[in-house]
Amino acid sequence: MNCPSQRMLRREPHAANHLPPSFVRGLLSVFCLVSLATFDAAAAHKKIYIVTDLEGISGVYKFAQTRETNTPEARQAREFFMGDLAAVVRGLRAGGATEIVVLDGHGNQAVLPELMVPGAKYITGLPRPQVFPLLDGSYAGVVFLGFHAMMGTPDGVLHHTQSSATENRYWYNGVESGELAQCAIVAGHFGVPPILVTGDEATCREAEKFFGKACIKVAVKKGIARESALLYPFEETRAKLYKGAKQAMAVIRNCRPYRLEFPVQARKEYLVLQEPPPKRVTKEGTIPDALHLLDF
């Protein structure tokens, strides 16, 4: 039986503290490479949720296009909508999205099933059991497509918040918020950040205010008045939408959910139209959590 020598048995003191610098640098390099590989592998599987509206779509600039359902103008506006949506779906796919769910968020519903492009699944029809059906923490990001600026925005095309007829306005803890912020708060409840906003220039400016620079914004027109706009050609807007969607997939890691600390103090102002002349009413209260935000 061979016994180890005294030299072999003797422990070198603090040997771990005398590793060669090159060895330590090598270990750190390997660790960084493994971490990046793990992150990239996770980034390769991205679920995206798209919330849509109609007023912020290319070519849409008057309420006759959005409030009606069975007119030639309304049909045409929905075709415009499906074109913008197709560009965004394709861009998200090109950027690495592996699953896309589209929520038809316009009150009259805007999805035309015969024009749906592959690469996404589409939720349409009312009523619904939740504000955003199927949305949960497994989604990497949320896209707000075809949105509009909040009520009272002078250069916002078709600006309103929830109701263009009663001209609603909302404040949460003293901060006036439109539909962009409202929808982002609900998504933020699940930890899902906004990664892309499309609409007019005023909508993009509003997105910058609430979501910061990391969220990608794509303007498809510029407002002149509530029902007047400087329109951009479809060929240009669809190319910008595709590029913006693809870019949004690359910046997900920089985007953060938009959250409020609940409960929040809320105020709502709106017109009562039942008895002429219309009068403006104020309602105040407390909202317990994000999922009840739109109940107020």
Protein backbone atom coordinates (compact mmCIF):
# COMPACT_ATOMS: atom_id res chain seq x y z
CA MET A 1 0.00 0.00 0.00
CA ASN A 2 1.47 3.28 -1.02
CA CYS A 3 1.08 6.02 1.55
CA PRO A 4 1.01 9.67 0.54
CA SER A 5 4.10 11.60 1.38
CA GLN A 6 4.19 14.26 4.03
CA ARG A 7 4.44 16.83 1.23
CA MET A 8 1.28 15.54 -0.35
CA LEU A 9 -0.56 15.58 2.97
CA ARG A 10 0.55 19.07 3.91
CA ARG A 11 -2.09 21.72 3.06
CA GLU A 12 -0.79 24.85 1.44
CA PRO A 13 -2.22 27.78 3.42
CA HIS A 14 -4.55 30.17 1.59
CA ALA A 15 -3.99 28.44 -1.72
CA ALA A 16 -7.33 29.71 -2.99
CA ASN A 17 -6.14 33.27 -2.49
CA HIS A 18 -3.17 32.79 -4.80
CA LEU A 19 -4.89 31.77 -8.03
CA PRO A 20 -3.17 33.21 -11.07
CA PRO A 21 -4.92 36.37 -12.37
CA SER A 22 -5.20 34.81 -15.82
CA PHE A 23 -7.09 31.86 -14.32
CA VAL A 24 -9.52 34.19 -12.51
CA ARG A 25 -10.10 36.19 -15.69
CA GLY A 26 -10.78 32.97 -17.53
CA LEU A 27 -13.38 31.88 -14.98
CA LEU A 28 -15.12 35.26 -15.20
CA SER A 29 -15.18 35.07 -18.99
CA VAL A 30 -16.73 31.62 -18.90
CA PHE A 31 -19.32 32.80 -16.35
CA CYS A 32 -20.25 35.80 -18.52
CA LEU A 33 -20.54 33.65 -21.63
CA VAL A 34 -22.76 31.14 -19.84
CA SER A 35 -24.93 33.95 -18.44
CA LEU A 36 -25.32 35.56 -21.87
CA ALA A 37 -26.12 32.23 -23.46
CA THR A 38 -28.78 31.59 -20.82
CA PHE A 39 -30.28 35.06 -21.35
CA ASP A 40 -30.25 34.69 -25.13
CA ALA A 41 -31.89 31.28 -24.87
CA ALA A 42 -34.66 32.81 -22.76
CA ALA A 43 -34.94 35.77 -25.13
CA ALA A 44 -35.51 33.36 -27.99
CA HIS A 45 -38.91 32.45 -26.50
CA LYS A 46 -40.95 35.64 -26.29
CA LYS A 47 -44.72 35.89 -25.97
CA ILE A 48 -46.17 39.25 -26.98
CA TYR A 49 -49.65 40.64 -26.25
CA ILE A 50 -51.02 43.31 -28.62
CA VAL A 51 -53.81 45.62 -27.44
CA THR A 52 -55.39 47.45 -30.38
CA ASP A 53 -57.53 50.50 -31.01
CA LEU A 54 -58.72 52.16 -34.20
CA GLU A 55 -58.29 55.91 -33.83
CA GLY A 56 -54.49 55.76 -34.09
CA ILE A 57 -54.35 53.73 -37.30
CA SER A 58 -52.82 54.93 -40.59
CA GLY A 59 -55.38 56.85 -42.65
CA VAL A 60 -57.93 57.27 -39.83
CA TYR A 61 -58.74 60.87 -38.89
CA LYS A 62 -62.50 61.30 -38.33
CA PHE A 63 -65.08 59.79 -36.01
CA ALA A 64 -67.23 58.68 -38.96
CA GLN A 65 -64.54 56.05 -39.54
CA THR A 66 -64.53 54.74 -35.97
CA ARG A 67 -68.00 55.15 -34.47
CA GLU A 68 -69.99 53.45 -37.21
CA THR A 69 -69.96 49.76 -38.09
CA ASN A 70 -71.84 49.20 -41.34
CA THR A 71 -70.72 52.06 -43.56
CA PRO A 72 -68.16 52.02 -46.38
CA GLU A 73 -65.93 54.38 -44.37
CA ALA A 74 -66.05 52.13 -41.32
CA ARG A 75 -65.20 49.07 -43.40
CA GLN A 76 -62.32 50.90 -45.05
CA ALA A 77 -60.95 52.02 -41.66
CA ARG A 78 -60.93 48.41 -40.50
CA GLU A 79 -59.02 47.41 -43.59
CA PHE A 80 -56.49 50.14 -42.77
CA PHE A 81 -56.33 48.70 -39.25
CA MET A 82 -55.64 45.18 -40.47
CA GLY A 83 -52.82 46.51 -42.65
CA ASP A 84 -51.10 48.22 -39.71
CA LEU A 85 -51.63 45.14 -37.57
CA ALA A 86 -50.14 42.84 -40.20
CA ALA A 87 -47.00 44.98 -40.40
CA VAL A 88 -46.55 44.85 -36.62
CA VAL A 89 -47.16 41.09 -36.39
CA ARG A 90 -44.59 40.45 -39.11
CA GLY A 91 -42.09 42.77 -37.45
CA LEU A 92 -42.50 41.12 -34.06
CA ARG A 93 -42.02 37.71 -35.64
CA ALA A 94 -38.92 38.87 -37.46
CA GLY A 95 -37.61 40.18 -34.15
CA GLY A 96 -38.00 36.83 -32.43
CA ALA A 97 -41.54 36.71 -31.02
CA THR A 98 -42.60 33.08 -30.71
CA GLU A 99 -46.24 33.65 -29.75
CA ILE A 100 -48.47 36.66 -30.38
CA VAL A 101 -52.00 37.27 -29.07
CA VAL A 102 -53.97 40.21 -30.48
CA LEU A 103 -56.79 41.78 -28.46
CA ASP A 104 -59.39 43.70 -30.46
CA GLY A 105 -59.64 46.68 -28.14
CA HIS A 106 -61.87 49.00 -30.18
CA GLY A 107 -65.35 49.39 -28.75
CA ASN A 108 -67.13 48.42 -31.99
CA GLN A 109 -64.51 45.74 -32.70
CA ALA A 110 -62.21 46.13 -35.69
CA VAL A 111 -60.71 42.73 -36.53
CA LEU A 112 -61.68 41.41 -39.97
CA PRO A 113 -61.10 37.64 -39.77
CA GLU A 114 -60.62 37.28 -43.53
CA LEU A 115 -57.60 39.61 -43.33
CA MET A 116 -55.84 38.01 -40.37
CA VAL A 117 -52.18 37.28 -41.12
CA PRO A 118 -50.44 34.11 -39.89
CA GLY A 119 -48.19 34.34 -36.88
CA ALA A 120 -50.76 35.54 -34.34
CA LYS A 121 -54.03 34.56 -32.68
CA TYR A 122 -56.86 37.08 -32.38
CA ILE A 123 -59.33 37.82 -29.56
CA THR A 124 -62.48 39.65 -30.65
CA GLY A 125 -66.13 39.88 -29.60
CA LEU A 126 -67.87 41.19 -26.47
CA PRO A 127 -68.48 40.88 -23.55
CA ARG A 128 -65.34 39.42 -21.97
CA PRO A 129 -64.68 38.04 -18.50
CA GLN A 130 -61.48 40.09 -18.07
CA VAL A 131 -60.13 43.35 -19.44
CA PHE A 132 -57.25 41.54 -21.15
CA PRO A 133 -58.17 37.85 -21.53
CA LEU A 134 -55.25 35.39 -21.42
CA LEU A 135 -52.73 38.04 -20.33
CA ASP A 136 -50.46 36.86 -17.52
CA GLY A 137 -46.87 37.05 -16.37
CA SER A 138 -45.64 34.69 -19.06
CA TYR A 139 -45.75 37.50 -21.65
CA ALA A 140 -42.52 39.37 -22.30
CA GLY A 141 -44.12 42.59 -23.50
CA VAL A 142 -47.28 44.40 -24.52
CA VAL A 143 -47.82 46.44 -27.70
CA PHE A 144 -50.35 49.27 -27.91
CA LEU A 145 -51.33 49.50 -31.58
CA GLY A 146 -53.43 52.28 -33.10
CA PHE A 147 -53.84 54.22 -29.85
CA HIS A 148 -54.82 57.89 -29.48
CA ALA A 149 -53.94 60.72 -27.12
CA MET A 150 -55.92 61.45 -23.96
CA MET A 151 -58.94 63.73 -23.92
CA GLY A 152 -58.00 67.40 -24.17
CA THR A 153 -54.80 66.98 -26.20
CA PRO A 154 -55.00 69.86 -28.74
CA ASP A 155 -53.04 68.11 -31.50
CA GLY A 156 -54.33 64.63 -30.75
CA VAL A 157 -56.21 63.04 -33.66
CA LEU A 158 -59.62 61.88 -32.35
CA HIS A 159 -58.39 62.47 -28.80
CA HIS A 160 -60.56 61.07 -26.01
CA THR A 161 -60.35 58.81 -22.97
CA GLN A 162 -62.78 55.86 -22.95
CA SER A 163 -65.73 57.86 -24.35
CA SER A 164 -65.47 60.49 -27.07
CA ALA A 165 -69.15 61.35 -26.56
CA THR A 166 -69.07 62.10 -22.81
CA GLU A 167 -65.49 63.42 -23.01
CA ASN A 168 -64.25 61.55 -19.95
CA ARG A 169 -61.07 62.62 -18.16
CA TYR A 170 -59.31 60.61 -15.44
CA TRP A 171 -56.78 61.42 -12.72
CA TYR A 172 -54.97 58.86 -10.57
CA ASN A 173 -53.25 60.31 -7.49
CA GLY A 174 -53.52 63.68 -9.19
CA VAL A 175 -51.94 62.63 -12.50
CA GLU A 176 -54.20 62.87 -15.55
CA SER A 177 -54.03 59.65 -17.54
CA GLY A 178 -55.42 58.46 -20.85
CA GLU A 179 -56.05 55.03 -22.28
CA LEU A 180 -52.35 54.37 -22.83
CA ALA A 181 -51.58 54.67 -19.12
CA GLN A 182 -54.78 52.85 -18.13
CA CYS A 183 -53.97 49.83 -20.27
CA ALA A 184 -50.33 49.83 -19.18
CA ILE A 185 -51.37 49.82 -15.51
CA VAL A 186 -53.43 46.68 -16.09
CA ALA A 187 -50.54 45.03 -17.94
CA GLY A 188 -48.20 46.18 -15.18
CA HIS A 189 -50.28 44.22 -12.67
CA PHE A 190 -48.92 41.10 -14.39
CA GLY A 191 -45.41 42.52 -14.68
CA VAL A 192 -45.66 42.99 -18.46
CA PRO A 193 -43.92 46.11 -19.84
CA PRO A 194 -45.01 48.24 -22.82
CA ILE A 195 -42.47 47.77 -25.60
CA LEU A 196 -44.14 49.50 -28.58
CA VAL A 197 -46.76 52.23 -29.03
CA THR A 198 -48.20 53.27 -32.41
CA GLY A 199 -50.50 56.19 -33.18
CA ASP A 200 -50.19 59.86 -34.02
CA GLU A 201 -47.36 62.17 -32.93
CA ALA A 202 -49.27 63.26 -29.81
CA THR A 203 -49.80 59.64 -28.75
CA CYS A 204 -46.08 58.94 -29.11
CA ARG A 205 -45.33 62.01 -27.00
CA GLU A 206 -47.73 60.74 -24.33
CA ALA A 207 -46.06 57.33 -24.40
CA GLU A 208 -42.67 58.99 -23.87
CA LYS A 209 -44.04 60.78 -20.80
CA PHE A 210 -45.43 57.67 -19.13
CA PHE A 211 -43.13 54.88 -20.36
CA GLY A 212 -39.82 56.63 -21.04
CA LYS A 213 -37.41 56.33 -23.92
CA ALA A 214 -36.93 52.55 -23.87
CA CYS A 215 -40.43 51.90 -25.24
CA ILE A 216 -40.41 52.19 -29.05
CA LYS A 217 -42.85 54.68 -30.59
CA VAL A 218 -44.04 54.79 -34.20
CA ALA A 219 -46.04 57.77 -35.46
CA VAL A 220 -48.26 57.12 -38.49
CA LYS A 221 -49.70 60.67 -38.76
CA LYS A 222 -49.55 64.12 -37.18
CA GLY A 223 -52.57 65.82 -35.68
CA ILE A 224 -53.70 69.27 -36.78
CA ALA A 225 -57.01 69.30 -34.89
CA ARG A 226 -59.31 66.68 -33.40
CA GLU A 227 -60.60 65.56 -36.80
CA SER A 228 -57.81 66.84 -39.00
CA ALA A 229 -54.43 65.25 -39.61
CA LEU A 230 -51.33 65.25 -41.75
CA LEU A 231 -51.43 61.67 -43.05
CA TYR A 232 -48.37 59.67 -44.04
CA PRO A 233 -48.49 57.24 -47.03
CA PHE A 234 -49.34 53.65 -46.15
CA GLU A 235 -46.18 52.34 -47.76
CA GLU A 236 -44.14 54.49 -45.39
CA THR A 237 -46.16 53.82 -42.24
CA ARG A 238 -46.25 50.06 -42.74
CA ALA A 239 -42.48 50.00 -43.25
CA LYS A 240 -42.02 52.05 -40.06
CA LEU A 241 -44.39 49.77 -38.14
CA TYR A 242 -42.52 46.65 -39.25
CA LYS A 243 -39.17 48.18 -38.33
CA GLY A 244 -40.44 49.49 -35.00
CA ALA A 245 -41.95 46.14 -34.02
CA LYS A 246 -38.74 44.33 -34.87
CA GLN A 247 -36.75 46.88 -32.90
CA ALA A 248 -39.11 46.55 -29.92
CA MET A 249 -38.20 42.89 -29.58
CA ALA A 250 -34.54 43.90 -29.22
CA VAL A 251 -35.18 46.38 -26.39
CA ILE A 252 -37.47 44.31 -24.19
CA ARG A 253 -34.72 43.96 -21.58
CA ASN A 254 -34.66 47.77 -21.21
CA CYS A 255 -38.44 48.22 -20.78
CA ARG A 256 -40.14 48.28 -17.40
CA PRO A 257 -43.76 47.64 -16.39
CA TYR A 258 -45.82 50.75 -15.68
CA ARG A 259 -47.28 50.45 -12.18
CA LEU A 260 -49.12 52.51 -9.61
CA GLU A 261 -49.04 51.99 -5.85
CA PHE A 262 -52.54 50.83 -4.92
CA PRO A 263 -54.98 51.81 -3.59
CA VAL A 264 -55.10 55.03 -5.63
CA GLN A 265 -57.24 58.11 -5.28
CA ALA A 266 -59.15 58.62 -8.51
CA ARG A 267 -61.11 61.46 -10.06
CA LYS A 268 -63.26 61.33 -13.17
CA GLU A 269 -64.88 64.19 -15.05
CA TYR A 270 -67.50 63.58 -17.72
CA LEU A 271 -70.49 65.06 -19.49
CA VAL A 272 -74.05 64.05 -18.59
CA LEU A 273 -75.95 64.09 -21.88
CA GLN A 274 -79.40 62.84 -20.87
CA GLU A 275 -80.84 66.28 -20.16
CA PRO A 276 -79.86 69.28 -22.30
CA PRO A 277 -77.81 71.29 -21.93
CA PRO A 278 -75.01 68.81 -21.11
CA LYS A 279 -73.35 69.41 -17.76
CA ARG A 280 -69.93 68.34 -16.54
CA VAL A 281 -69.87 66.09 -13.46
CA THR A 282 -67.00 65.06 -11.19
CA LYS A 283 -66.74 61.70 -9.46
CA GLU A 284 -64.11 60.82 -6.85
CA GLY A 285 -63.20 57.58 -5.13
CA THR A 286 -60.60 54.95 -4.29
CA ILE A 287 -59.54 52.14 -6.61
CA PRO A 288 -58.27 49.06 -4.72
CA ASP A 289 -56.15 47.44 -7.43
CA ALA A 290 -55.19 47.55 -11.10
CA LEU A 291 -57.76 44.99 -12.18
CA HIS A 292 -60.56 47.31 -11.03
CA LEU A 293 -59.08 50.42 -12.63
CA LEU A 294 -61.52 50.54 -15.55
CA ASP A 295 -64.54 49.89 -13.32
CA PHE A 296 -64.28 53.44 -11.97
